[in-house]
Protein backbone atom coordinates (compact mmCIF):
# COMPACT_ATOMS: atom_id res chain seq x y z
CA MET A 1 0.00 0.00 0.00
CA LYS A 2 1.16 3.48 -0.73
CA SER A 3 1.89 5.83 2.13
CA LEU A 4 -0.26 8.94 2.51
CA PRO A 5 1.51 11.92 4.08
CA VAL A 6 -1.35 14.36 4.59
CA VAL A 7 -4.11 12.73 2.63
CA ALA A 8 -5.22 9.22 2.25
CA ALA A 9 -4.43 7.16 -0.68
CA VAL A 10 -7.45 2.75 -4.20
CA LEU A 11 -6.56 -1.72 -5.21
CA ALA A 12 -9.73 -3.62 -6.29
CA LEU A 13 -11.93 -5.03 -3.53
CA ALA A 14 -13.76 -8.00 -4.98
CA CYS A 15 -16.14 -10.24 -3.07
CA PHE A 16 -15.88 -7.98 -0.06
CA VAL A 17 -18.48 -5.30 -0.71
CA PRO A 18 -20.64 -4.04 2.16
CA PRO A 19 -24.22 -5.39 2.07
CA GLY A 20 -26.88 -2.99 0.87
CA ARG A 21 -24.54 -0.78 -1.14
CA ALA A 22 -22.93 -2.77 -3.91
CA GLN A 23 -22.99 -6.47 -3.16
CA GLU A 24 -26.26 -7.10 -4.93
CA ALA A 25 -25.03 -5.12 -7.92
CA GLY A 26 -21.77 -7.10 -8.17
CA LEU A 27 -19.63 -3.95 -8.09
CA GLU A 28 -15.94 -4.02 -7.27
CA GLU A 29 -14.49 -1.78 -4.61
CA ILE A 30 -11.39 -0.07 -5.91
CA VAL A 31 -8.62 0.70 -3.46
CA VAL A 32 -6.52 3.62 -4.58
CA THR A 33 -2.86 2.64 -4.71
CA GLY A 34 0.09 4.06 -6.55
CA ALA A 35 -0.70 1.88 -9.57
CA ARG A 36 -4.18 3.36 -9.95
CA LEU A 37 -3.84 6.79 -8.39
CA THR A 38 -2.72 9.61 -10.67
CA GLU A 39 -0.95 12.75 -9.60
CA TYR A 40 -2.73 16.04 -10.07
CA ASP A 41 -1.00 18.03 -12.80
CA PRO A 42 -2.38 21.55 -13.37
CA VAL A 43 -1.17 21.41 -16.98
CA LYS A 44 -2.30 17.89 -17.99
CA THR A 45 -5.19 17.07 -15.65
CA PRO A 46 -8.59 18.07 -17.11
CA TYR A 47 -10.47 20.89 -15.46
CA VAL A 48 -13.71 18.90 -15.30
CA THR A 49 -13.81 16.31 -12.50
CA LEU A 50 -16.42 14.58 -10.40
CA LYS A 51 -15.64 14.80 -6.68
CA LYS A 52 -16.65 11.71 -4.71
CA ARG A 53 -16.23 11.01 -1.03
CA ALA A 54 -14.50 7.68 -0.43
CA ASP A 55 -16.63 4.72 0.60
CA ASN A 56 -14.03 3.28 2.98
CA ILE A 57 -10.55 3.89 4.33
CA VAL A 58 -8.23 0.91 4.78
CA THR A 59 -4.86 0.00 6.19
CA GLU A 60 -2.80 -3.17 6.60
CA VAL A 61 -2.27 -4.62 10.08
CA ARG A 62 0.34 -7.12 11.22
CA VAL A 63 -0.86 -9.65 13.77
CA VAL A 64 2.42 -10.90 15.23
CA CYS A 65 3.32 -13.49 17.86
CA ASP A 66 6.80 -14.49 19.12
CA THR A 67 5.95 -17.29 21.53
CA ARG A 68 8.83 -19.74 21.09
CA ASP A 69 6.83 -22.98 20.77
CA LEU A 70 5.39 -23.11 17.25
CA SER A 71 2.14 -24.89 18.10
CA GLN A 72 1.47 -22.54 21.01
CA ARG A 73 2.37 -19.54 18.84
CA LYS A 74 -0.12 -20.55 16.17
CA ALA A 75 -2.79 -21.21 18.79
CA GLU A 76 -2.32 -17.71 20.22
CA LEU A 77 -2.46 -16.15 16.77
CA LYS A 78 -5.64 -18.05 15.88
CA ALA A 79 -7.29 -17.03 19.15
CA THR A 80 -6.42 -13.39 18.49
CA LEU A 81 -7.70 -13.56 14.92
CA ARG A 82 -10.97 -15.08 16.12
CA ASN A 83 -11.27 -12.28 18.68
CA MET A 84 -10.73 -9.72 15.90
CA ILE A 85 -13.41 -11.32 13.72
CA LYS A 86 -15.91 -11.21 16.59
CA ALA A 87 -15.04 -7.66 17.64
CA ALA A 88 -14.97 -6.10 14.16
CA PRO A 89 -18.72 -5.43 13.67
CA GLY A 90 -19.07 -3.68 17.03
CA ALA A 91 -16.00 -1.55 16.31
CA GLY A 92 -17.32 -0.41 12.94
CA VAL A 93 -14.58 -2.14 10.93
CA GLU A 94 -14.27 -5.06 8.50
CA LEU A 95 -11.39 -7.49 7.93
CA GLY A 96 -10.01 -8.63 4.59
CA LEU A 97 -7.00 -10.09 2.81
CA GLU A 98 -4.91 -8.06 0.39
CA GLY A 99 -4.17 -9.53 -3.02
CA GLU A 100 -2.34 -8.05 -5.99
CA GLU A 101 -5.16 -5.66 -6.78
CA VAL A 102 -8.01 -6.97 -4.67
CA ILE A 103 -8.97 -7.25 -1.04
CA GLY A 104 -10.65 -10.57 -0.51
CA ARG A 105 -12.91 -11.99 2.14
CA PHE A 106 -11.42 -13.14 5.45
CA ASP A 107 -13.12 -15.49 7.93
CA GLU A 108 -12.35 -18.30 10.37
CA THR A 109 -11.87 -20.86 7.59
CA MET A 110 -8.67 -19.03 6.59
CA LEU A 111 -6.80 -18.95 9.90
CA ASP A 112 -4.20 -21.58 8.95
CA ALA A 113 -3.64 -20.13 5.48
CA VAL A 114 -3.03 -16.59 6.70
CA ILE A 115 -0.38 -17.41 9.32
CA LYS A 116 3.16 -17.23 7.91
CA PRO A 117 6.72 -17.20 9.31
CA ASP A 118 7.91 -13.66 10.05
CA SER A 119 11.38 -12.34 9.28
CA LYS A 120 12.44 -12.78 12.92
CA PRO A 121 13.22 -16.24 14.36
CA ASP A 122 10.47 -17.96 16.36
CA THR A 123 7.92 -15.40 15.14
CA SER A 124 4.80 -15.81 13.03
CA VAL A 125 2.61 -13.16 11.44
CA ALA A 126 -0.79 -12.79 9.80
CA LEU A 127 -1.27 -9.84 7.44
CA LEU A 128 -4.80 -8.47 7.27
CA VAL A 129 -6.50 -5.43 5.81
CA VAL A 130 -8.80 -3.51 8.13
CA LYS A 131 -11.29 -1.05 6.69
CA THR A 132 -13.98 1.25 8.00
CA ARG A 133 -16.79 2.98 6.14
CA VAL A 134 -16.36 6.71 5.67
CA ALA A 135 -19.40 8.54 7.04
CA LEU A 136 -20.53 11.92 5.73
CA THR A 137 -19.54 13.52 9.02
CA ASP A 138 -16.16 11.77 9.30
CA THR A 139 -12.85 13.55 9.45
CA PHE A 140 -9.67 11.74 8.48
CA ASP A 141 -8.73 11.40 12.17
CA ALA A 142 -12.17 10.10 13.13
CA ALA A 143 -12.17 7.44 10.40
CA THR A 144 -8.63 6.24 11.03
CA GLY A 145 -9.23 6.40 14.77
CA ARG A 146 -11.84 3.64 14.56
CA ILE A 147 -9.23 1.30 13.12
CA THR A 148 -6.48 2.20 15.57
CA THR A 149 -8.90 1.91 18.51
CA PHE A 150 -10.00 -1.50 17.24
CA ALA A 151 -6.37 -2.66 17.08
CA ASP A 152 -5.73 -1.38 20.61
CA LYS A 153 -8.83 -2.87 22.21
CA ALA A 154 -9.18 -6.24 20.45
CA ALA A 155 -8.34 -9.05 22.87
CA LYS A 156 -4.87 -10.52 22.30
CA ALA A 157 -3.93 -14.06 23.30
CA GLY A 158 -0.52 -14.75 24.84
CA ARG A 159 2.31 -12.77 23.26
CA THR A 160 0.30 -11.66 20.21
CA GLU A 161 0.35 -8.02 19.07
CA ILE A 162 -1.84 -6.18 16.55
CA LEU A 163 0.25 -3.58 14.73
CA PRO A 164 -1.44 -1.25 12.21
CA THR A 165 0.79 0.33 9.58
CA GLU A 166 0.86 4.09 9.04
CA ASP A 167 -0.19 3.76 5.41
CA TRP A 168 -3.80 4.60 4.61
CA ASN A 169 -5.78 4.06 1.41
CA LEU A 170 -9.22 5.12 0.26
CA THR A 171 -11.72 2.90 -1.54
CA LEU A 172 -14.54 3.63 -3.96
CA ILE A 173 -17.22 1.10 -4.86
CA GLY A 174 -17.73 0.62 -8.61
CA PRO A 175 -16.07 3.84 -9.82
CA GLN A 176 -16.79 3.04 -13.48
CA ARG A 177 -20.51 3.50 -12.80
CA TYR A 178 -19.75 7.23 -12.51
CA ARG A 179 -18.40 7.41 -16.05
CA GLY A 180 -21.70 8.69 -17.43
CA ASP A 181 -21.81 11.44 -14.80
CA VAL A 182 -18.29 12.50 -15.71
CA LEU A 183 -19.09 12.58 -19.44
CA ASN A 184 -22.18 14.69 -18.74
CA LEU A 185 -19.99 17.21 -16.94
CA VAL A 186 -17.56 17.22 -19.87
CA ALA A 187 -20.43 17.78 -22.32
CA GLU A 188 -21.77 20.64 -20.22
CA ASP A 189 -18.35 22.26 -20.12
CA ALA A 190 -17.93 21.79 -23.88
CA ARG A 191 -21.26 23.56 -24.48
CA LYS A 192 -20.14 26.48 -22.33
CA VAL A 193 -16.85 26.70 -24.21
CA ALA A 194 -18.68 26.60 -27.54
CA GLY A 195 -21.00 29.38 -26.37
CA THR A 196 -18.07 31.50 -25.29
CA PHE A 197 -16.36 31.33 -28.69
CA GLY A 198 -19.56 31.68 -30.69
CA ALA A 199 -21.04 30.10 -33.79
CA ASP A 200 -17.94 30.69 -35.92
CA TYR A 201 -15.98 28.11 -33.90
CA ALA A 202 -16.35 24.36 -33.32
CA VAL A 203 -15.42 22.54 -30.11
CA THR A 204 -14.13 18.97 -30.33
CA ALA A 205 -13.58 16.63 -27.36
CA GLU A 206 -10.89 13.98 -27.77
CA GLY A 207 -10.04 11.06 -25.47
CA LEU A 208 -13.57 10.37 -24.23
CA GLN A 209 -13.08 6.68 -24.99
CA LEU A 210 -10.42 6.42 -22.27
CA PRO A 211 -11.23 4.82 -18.90
CA LEU A 212 -11.82 6.85 -15.76
CA SER A 213 -8.83 8.05 -13.79
CA TRP A 214 -8.72 9.66 -10.36
CA TYR A 215 -6.50 11.62 -8.04
CA GLN A 216 -6.61 12.46 -4.36
CA SER A 217 -8.45 15.75 -3.93
CA GLY A 218 -8.86 15.75 -0.14
CA PRO A 219 -8.21 13.65 2.96
CA LEU A 220 -11.31 11.54 2.26
CA GLU A 221 -12.12 12.60 -1.30
CA LEU A 222 -11.27 11.51 -4.83
CA ALA A 223 -11.63 13.42 -8.09
CA LEU A 224 -12.77 11.23 -11.00
CA TYR A 225 -12.13 12.29 -14.57
CA VAL A 226 -11.67 11.13 -18.15
CA PRO A 227 -8.34 12.38 -19.57
CA TYR A 228 -9.99 14.25 -22.42
CA ARG A 229 -8.89 17.32 -24.35
CA LEU A 230 -11.05 20.08 -25.83
CA THR A 231 -9.99 21.63 -29.14
CA VAL A 232 -11.49 24.87 -30.48
CA THR A 233 -11.17 25.45 -34.23
CA PRO A 234 -12.75 27.92 -36.66
CA ARG A 235 -15.65 26.50 -38.64
CA PRO A 236 -14.96 26.22 -42.36
CA HIS A 237 -16.83 28.78 -44.49
């Protein structure tokens, strides 16, 4: 995951969409990472964008145990992971597994698969993604605070620790469904440009076939756009 200094930073979340919002529609939840997030460039980035508040904010957590006996170490890790699964709904968070570009489902059937040897001797680790839904009234600190509080308060077995990273990412459910809204904004802007130059000029929009892109426009906000270009040329007489 890509570190966010002042703002947050989207991956694809498949099969892990909150009920009632996108699950029934089969939409993917995109997590904005360096591979998908573009940098705002005042020269190249189009003026017309659609601002959308993120659906969730996510971070990776390391669940680590250094009990020397391997079987006891795994037992303590599994107990802690079960405690996290039980505590997550009440804390307003959800647990997942990070893939190459997706965050997948995580439940008790995956406890053995998720536990791996850590880089230190006699230490094992489970890497999870923890996310929380971004409410309309949330600040960045309030949203991230739910995750850090969850990590602090979840019951730990034995020598297990829950260690959140300091990297935060934003997610957006089914961003491509907003493509029509973005194109409508582009068309509206093109009409205004055409009206400004008058009937003797034609306005052409190029690049509208390109997929949506996005950049970070605020701590909990993304700006969606199509990398189009408007060209104004005199009409032939």
